[in-house]
Amino acid sequence: MALLEVENIKKNFGKTEVLKGISFSLEEGQVLAIIGSSGSGKTTLLRCLNFLESPDSGEIYVNGKQLLSQSEEEIRQNRLHFGLVFQNFNLFPQYTALENVTLARELLAKEQGGEIKETILAEGRALLAQMGLADREGHYPHQLSGGQQQRVAIARALVKMPRVLLLDEPLSNL
């Protein structure tokens, strides 16, 4: 069974048809590159997969479970399957590298009454260390190079241990 299945995803913005029936499936460990010119819908597709945008029609499955749903709670739960690294990283300027990495997991733990903050911080530090940024955990985004910001964004996407990692531009630091 495929880890991710996308069937006939369509998305229009007004009269502009951006996604015209996109379908694909991915097995665990498989990599898929989506190539196209600027404005061809690559980011829109990733935003639909991560529920930041709603497709007009189509189906998304992870491990055979259909994910398009209506309630905000279901959408939040479905987002946990995906880690997303944006084109421009979207780091929060008021937070340190470590805080950027751990924020989503801390908020999720508060909401679900789960993990202890020390555990989340330790895992965030471990991810930053894997990215070669152990000595930068207390730095703010403006104090980091572009490549360092990119690696913080990757660590942030991985901290939730997603089933699928979505990368919105080719990343040199992978």
C-alpha atoms as a PDB file:
ATOM      1  CA  MET A   1       0.000   0.000   0.000  1.00  0.00           C
ATOM      2  CA  ALA A   2       1.254   3.507  -0.852  1.00  0.00           C
ATOM      3  CA  LEU A   3       2.214   5.850   1.973  1.00  0.00           C
ATOM      4  CA  LEU A   4       0.769   8.839   0.091  1.00  0.00           C
ATOM      5  CA  GLU A   5      -1.864   8.739  -2.632  1.00  0.00           C
ATOM      6  CA  VAL A   6      -3.163  11.816  -4.406  1.00  0.00           C
ATOM      7  CA  GLU A   7      -6.098  11.366  -6.762  1.00  0.00           C
ATOM      8  CA  ASN A   8      -7.321  13.971  -9.242  1.00  0.00           C
ATOM      9  CA  ILE A   9      -6.571  17.089  -7.149  1.00  0.00           C
ATOM     10  CA  LYS A  10      -7.996  20.203  -8.769  1.00  0.00           C
ATOM     11  CA  LYS A  11      -7.709  23.811  -7.662  1.00  0.00           C
ATOM     12  CA  ASN A  12      -8.924  27.019  -9.266  1.00  0.00           C
ATOM     13  CA  PHE A  13      -8.321  30.601  -8.251  1.00  0.00           C
ATOM     14  CA  GLY A  14     -11.211  32.425  -9.854  1.00  0.00           C
ATOM     15  CA  LYS A  15     -11.181  31.497 -13.521  1.00  0.00           C
ATOM     16  CA  THR A  16      -7.562  30.331 -13.397  1.00  0.00           C
ATOM     17  CA  GLU A  17      -7.240  26.556 -13.270  1.00  0.00           C
ATOM     18  CA  VAL A  18      -4.019  25.966 -11.298  1.00  0.00           C
ATOM     19  CA  LEU A  19      -4.158  22.235 -10.547  1.00  0.00           C
ATOM     20  CA  LYS A  20      -5.741  20.207 -13.341  1.00  0.00           C
ATOM     21  CA  GLY A  21      -6.312  16.738 -11.952  1.00  0.00           C
ATOM     22  CA  ILE A  22      -2.987  15.884 -10.279  1.00  0.00           C
ATOM     23  CA  SER A  23      -2.590  12.213  -9.311  1.00  0.00           C
ATOM     24  CA  PHE A  24       0.390  10.268  -7.952  1.00  0.00           C
ATOM     25  CA  SER A  25       1.336   7.783  -5.252  1.00  0.00           C
ATOM     26  CA  LEU A  26       4.468   7.352  -3.177  1.00  0.00           C
ATOM     27  CA  GLU A  27       5.769   4.347  -1.306  1.00  0.00           C
ATOM     28  CA  GLU A  28       7.672   4.821   1.943  1.00  0.00           C
ATOM     29  CA  GLY A  29      11.223   5.978   1.242  1.00  0.00           C
ATOM     30  CA  GLN A  30      10.410   7.061  -2.293  1.00  0.00           C
ATOM     31  CA  VAL A  31      11.237  10.594  -3.507  1.00  0.00           C
ATOM     32  CA  LEU A  32       9.186  12.607  -5.976  1.00  0.00           C
ATOM     33  CA  ALA A  33      10.308  15.848  -7.624  1.00  0.00           C
ATOM     34  CA  ILE A  34       7.664  18.143  -9.043  1.00  0.00           C
ATOM     35  CA  ILE A  35       9.168  20.309 -11.765  1.00  0.00           C
ATOM     36  CA  GLY A  36       7.543  23.221 -13.511  1.00  0.00           C
ATOM     37  CA  SER A  37       7.853  26.884 -14.323  1.00  0.00           C
ATOM     38  CA  SER A  38       7.127  29.629 -11.839  1.00  0.00           C
ATOM     39  CA  GLY A  39       3.392  29.913 -11.272  1.00  0.00           C
ATOM     40  CA  SER A  40       2.602  26.410 -12.510  1.00  0.00           C
ATOM     41  CA  GLY A  41       1.046  25.241  -9.221  1.00  0.00           C
ATOM     42  CA  LYS A  42       3.886  23.430  -7.418  1.00  0.00           C
ATOM     43  CA  THR A  43       3.475  25.396  -4.184  1.00  0.00           C
ATOM     44  CA  THR A  44      -0.319  25.245  -4.441  1.00  0.00           C
ATOM     45  CA  LEU A  45      -0.131  21.442  -4.596  1.00  0.00           C
ATOM     46  CA  LEU A  46       2.078  21.311  -1.496  1.00  0.00           C
ATOM     47  CA  ARG A  47      -0.246  23.712   0.304  1.00  0.00           C
ATOM     48  CA  CYS A  48      -3.192  21.430  -0.563  1.00  0.00           C
ATOM     49  CA  LEU A  49      -1.317  18.387   0.738  1.00  0.00           C
ATOM     50  CA  ASN A  50      -0.630  20.189   4.021  1.00  0.00           C
ATOM     51  CA  PHE A  51      -4.178  21.617   4.288  1.00  0.00           C
ATOM     52  CA  LEU A  52      -3.048  25.226   4.079  1.00  0.00           C
ATOM     53  CA  GLU A  53      -5.170  25.408   0.931  1.00  0.00           C
ATOM     54  CA  SER A  54      -8.329  23.436   0.166  1.00  0.00           C
ATOM     55  CA  PRO A  55      -8.475  21.643  -3.160  1.00  0.00           C
ATOM     56  CA  ASP A  56     -11.699  22.126  -5.104  1.00  0.00           C
ATOM     57  CA  SER A  57     -11.892  18.383  -5.710  1.00  0.00           C
ATOM     58  CA  GLY A  58      -9.869  15.212  -5.413  1.00  0.00           C
ATOM     59  CA  GLU A  59      -8.677  12.869  -2.678  1.00  0.00           C
ATOM     60  CA  ILE A  60      -5.598  12.617  -0.448  1.00  0.00           C
ATOM     61  CA  TYR A  61      -4.754   9.381   1.384  1.00  0.00           C
ATOM     62  CA  VAL A  62      -1.983   8.576   3.867  1.00  0.00           C
ATOM     63  CA  ASN A  63      -1.624   4.849   4.608  1.00  0.00           C
ATOM     64  CA  GLY A  64      -4.998   4.276   2.961  1.00  0.00           C
ATOM     65  CA  LYS A  65      -6.802   6.792   5.195  1.00  0.00           C
ATOM     66  CA  GLN A  66      -8.684   9.540   3.343  1.00  0.00           C
ATOM     67  CA  LEU A  67      -7.568  12.901   4.756  1.00  0.00           C
ATOM     68  CA  LEU A  68      -9.729  15.615   3.271  1.00  0.00           C
ATOM     69  CA  SER A  69     -12.061  16.555   6.092  1.00  0.00           C
ATOM     70  CA  GLN A  70     -14.186  19.414   7.302  1.00  0.00           C
ATOM     71  CA  SER A  71     -13.555  20.091  10.990  1.00  0.00           C
ATOM     72  CA  GLU A  72     -10.645  22.261  12.120  1.00  0.00           C
ATOM     73  CA  GLU A  73      -9.603  19.585  14.634  1.00  0.00           C
ATOM     74  CA  GLU A  74      -9.407  16.931  11.896  1.00  0.00           C
ATOM     75  CA  ILE A  75      -7.389  19.280   9.691  1.00  0.00           C
ATOM     76  CA  ARG A  76      -4.912  19.925  12.538  1.00  0.00           C
ATOM     77  CA  GLN A  77      -4.556  16.183  13.089  1.00  0.00           C
ATOM     78  CA  ASN A  78      -4.094  15.504   9.381  1.00  0.00           C
ATOM     79  CA  ARG A  79      -1.311  18.125   9.179  1.00  0.00           C
ATOM     80  CA  LEU A  80       0.724  15.997  11.586  1.00  0.00           C
ATOM     81  CA  HIS A  81       1.380  13.553   8.732  1.00  0.00           C
ATOM     82  CA  PHE A  82       3.304  16.245   6.834  1.00  0.00           C
ATOM     83  CA  GLY A  83       6.380  18.364   7.462  1.00  0.00           C
ATOM     84  CA  LEU A  84       6.673  21.394   5.194  1.00  0.00           C
ATOM     85  CA  VAL A  85       9.705  23.550   4.438  1.00  0.00           C
ATOM     86  CA  PHE A  86       8.566  26.745   2.736  1.00  0.00           C
ATOM     87  CA  GLN A  87      10.442  28.501  -0.087  1.00  0.00           C
ATOM     88  CA  ASN A  88      11.474  31.368   2.174  1.00  0.00           C
ATOM     89  CA  PHE A  89      11.632  29.233   5.362  1.00  0.00           C
ATOM     90  CA  ASN A  90       9.063  31.382   7.298  1.00  0.00           C
ATOM     91  CA  LEU A  91      11.037  31.342  10.534  1.00  0.00           C
ATOM     92  CA  PHE A  92       9.562  33.448  13.320  1.00  0.00           C
ATOM     93  CA  PRO A  93      11.960  36.402  13.763  1.00  0.00           C
ATOM     94  CA  GLN A  94      11.146  36.838  17.456  1.00  0.00           C
ATOM     95  CA  TYR A  95      12.147  33.254  18.313  1.00  0.00           C
ATOM     96  CA  THR A  96      15.566  31.649  18.547  1.00  0.00           C
ATOM     97  CA  ALA A  97      16.545  28.730  16.336  1.00  0.00           C
ATOM     98  CA  LEU A  98      15.616  26.272  19.109  1.00  0.00           C
ATOM     99  CA  GLU A  99      12.291  28.005  19.746  1.00  0.00           C
ATOM    100  CA  ASN A 100      11.481  27.937  16.020  1.00  0.00           C
ATOM    101  CA  VAL A 101      12.178  24.200  15.949  1.00  0.00           C
ATOM    102  CA  THR A 102      10.181  23.305  19.067  1.00  0.00           C
ATOM    103  CA  LEU A 103       7.250  25.759  18.971  1.00  0.00           C
ATOM    104  CA  ALA A 104       4.767  23.589  17.038  1.00  0.00           C
ATOM    105  CA  ARG A 105       5.494  20.524  19.139  1.00  0.00           C
ATOM    106  CA  GLU A 106       5.129  22.528  22.376  1.00  0.00           C
ATOM    107  CA  LEU A 107       1.783  23.940  21.235  1.00  0.00           C
ATOM    108  CA  LEU A 108       0.617  20.472  20.260  1.00  0.00           C
ATOM    109  CA  ALA A 109       1.678  19.077  23.648  1.00  0.00           C
ATOM    110  CA  LYS A 110      -0.287  21.809  25.455  1.00  0.00           C
ATOM    111  CA  GLU A 111      -3.344  21.079  23.344  1.00  0.00           C
ATOM    112  CA  GLN A 112      -3.154  17.316  23.787  1.00  0.00           C
ATOM    113  CA  GLY A 113      -1.725  17.257  27.308  1.00  0.00           C
ATOM    114  CA  GLY A 114       1.227  15.185  26.176  1.00  0.00           C
ATOM    115  CA  GLU A 115       4.955  15.595  26.194  1.00  0.00           C
ATOM    116  CA  ILE A 116       7.106  17.335  28.762  1.00  0.00           C
ATOM    117  CA  LYS A 117       8.806  20.548  27.619  1.00  0.00           C
ATOM    118  CA  GLU A 118      12.273  19.237  28.572  1.00  0.00           C
ATOM    119  CA  THR A 119      11.803  16.242  26.272  1.00  0.00           C
ATOM    120  CA  ILE A 120      10.723  18.499  23.402  1.00  0.00           C
ATOM    121  CA  LEU A 121      13.706  20.806  23.974  1.00  0.00           C
ATOM    122  CA  ALA A 122      16.123  17.867  24.084  1.00  0.00           C
ATOM    123  CA  GLU A 123      14.772  16.521  20.786  1.00  0.00           C
ATOM    124  CA  GLY A 124      14.926  20.007  19.250  1.00  0.00           C
ATOM    125  CA  ARG A 125      18.553  20.340  20.326  1.00  0.00           C
ATOM    126  CA  ALA A 126      19.331  16.909  18.875  1.00  0.00           C
ATOM    127  CA  LEU A 127      17.813  17.902  15.522  1.00  0.00           C
ATOM    128  CA  LEU A 128      19.771  21.160  15.481  1.00  0.00           C
ATOM    129  CA  ALA A 129      22.929  19.191  16.251  1.00  0.00           C
ATOM    130  CA  GLN A 130      22.187  16.826  13.335  1.00  0.00           C
ATOM    131  CA  MET A 131      21.917  19.920  11.137  1.00  0.00           C
ATOM    132  CA  GLY A 132      25.290  21.182  12.367  1.00  0.00           C
ATOM    133  CA  LEU A 133      23.673  23.991  14.364  1.00  0.00           C
ATOM    134  CA  ALA A 134      24.218  22.948  17.982  1.00  0.00           C
ATOM    135  CA  ASP A 135      26.145  26.165  18.595  1.00  0.00           C
ATOM    136  CA  ARG A 136      23.376  28.304  17.047  1.00  0.00           C
ATOM    137  CA  GLU A 137      20.344  27.249  19.099  1.00  0.00           C
ATOM    138  CA  GLY A 138      20.155  30.630  20.868  1.00  0.00           C
ATOM    139  CA  HIS A 139      20.548  32.693  17.705  1.00  0.00           C
ATOM    140  CA  TYR A 140      17.663  34.545  16.085  1.00  0.00           C
ATOM    141  CA  PRO A 141      16.982  34.157  12.343  1.00  0.00           C
ATOM    142  CA  HIS A 142      18.617  37.503  11.499  1.00  0.00           C
ATOM    143  CA  GLN A 143      21.809  36.221  13.147  1.00  0.00           C
ATOM    144  CA  LEU A 144      21.917  33.122  10.920  1.00  0.00           C
ATOM    145  CA  SER A 145      23.120  32.755   7.346  1.00  0.00           C
ATOM    146  CA  GLY A 146      20.638  31.726   4.654  1.00  0.00           C
ATOM    147  CA  GLY A 147      21.904  28.136   4.743  1.00  0.00           C
ATOM    148  CA  GLN A 148      21.617  28.032   8.538  1.00  0.00           C
ATOM    149  CA  GLN A 149      18.053  29.368   8.348  1.00  0.00           C
ATOM    150  CA  GLN A 150      17.303  26.671   5.792  1.00  0.00           C
ATOM    151  CA  ARG A 151      18.577  23.970   8.138  1.00  0.00           C
ATOM    152  CA  VAL A 152      16.522  25.384  11.047  1.00  0.00           C
ATOM    153  CA  ALA A 153      13.459  25.180   8.782  1.00  0.00           C
ATOM    154  CA  ILE A 154      14.277  21.551   7.949  1.00  0.00           C
ATOM    155  CA  ALA A 155      14.701  20.706  11.647  1.00  0.00           C
ATOM    156  CA  ARG A 156      11.373  22.417  12.381  1.00  0.00           C
ATOM    157  CA  ALA A 157       9.672  20.284   9.721  1.00  0.00           C
ATOM    158  CA  LEU A 158      11.213  17.098  11.152  1.00  0.00           C
ATOM    159  CA  VAL A 159      10.492  17.729  14.850  1.00  0.00           C
ATOM    160  CA  LYS A 160       6.933  16.378  14.554  1.00  0.00           C
ATOM    161  CA  MET A 161       8.305  13.169  12.981  1.00  0.00           C
ATOM    162  CA  PRO A 162       6.106  13.479   9.883  1.00  0.00           C
ATOM    163  CA  ARG A 163       5.300  10.579   7.579  1.00  0.00           C
ATOM    164  CA  VAL A 164       5.818  12.820   4.524  1.00  0.00           C
ATOM    165  CA  LEU A 165       8.302  15.691   4.150  1.00  0.00           C
ATOM    166  CA  LEU A 166       7.293  18.383   1.636  1.00  0.00           C
ATOM    167  CA  LEU A 167      10.061  20.689   0.396  1.00  0.00           C
ATOM    168  CA  ASP A 168       8.965  23.737  -1.571  1.00  0.00           C
ATOM    169  CA  GLU A 169      12.288  24.349  -3.325  1.00  0.00           C
ATOM    170  CA  PRO A 170      15.367  22.265  -4.006  1.00  0.00           C
ATOM    171  CA  LEU A 171      17.428  22.374  -0.837  1.00  0.00           C
ATOM    172  CA  SER A 172      21.199  22.260  -1.021  1.00  0.00           C
ATOM    173  CA  ASN A 173      21.622  21.241   2.613  1.00  0.00           C
ATOM    174  CA  LEU A 174      19.842  17.914   2.339  1.00  0.00           C
END
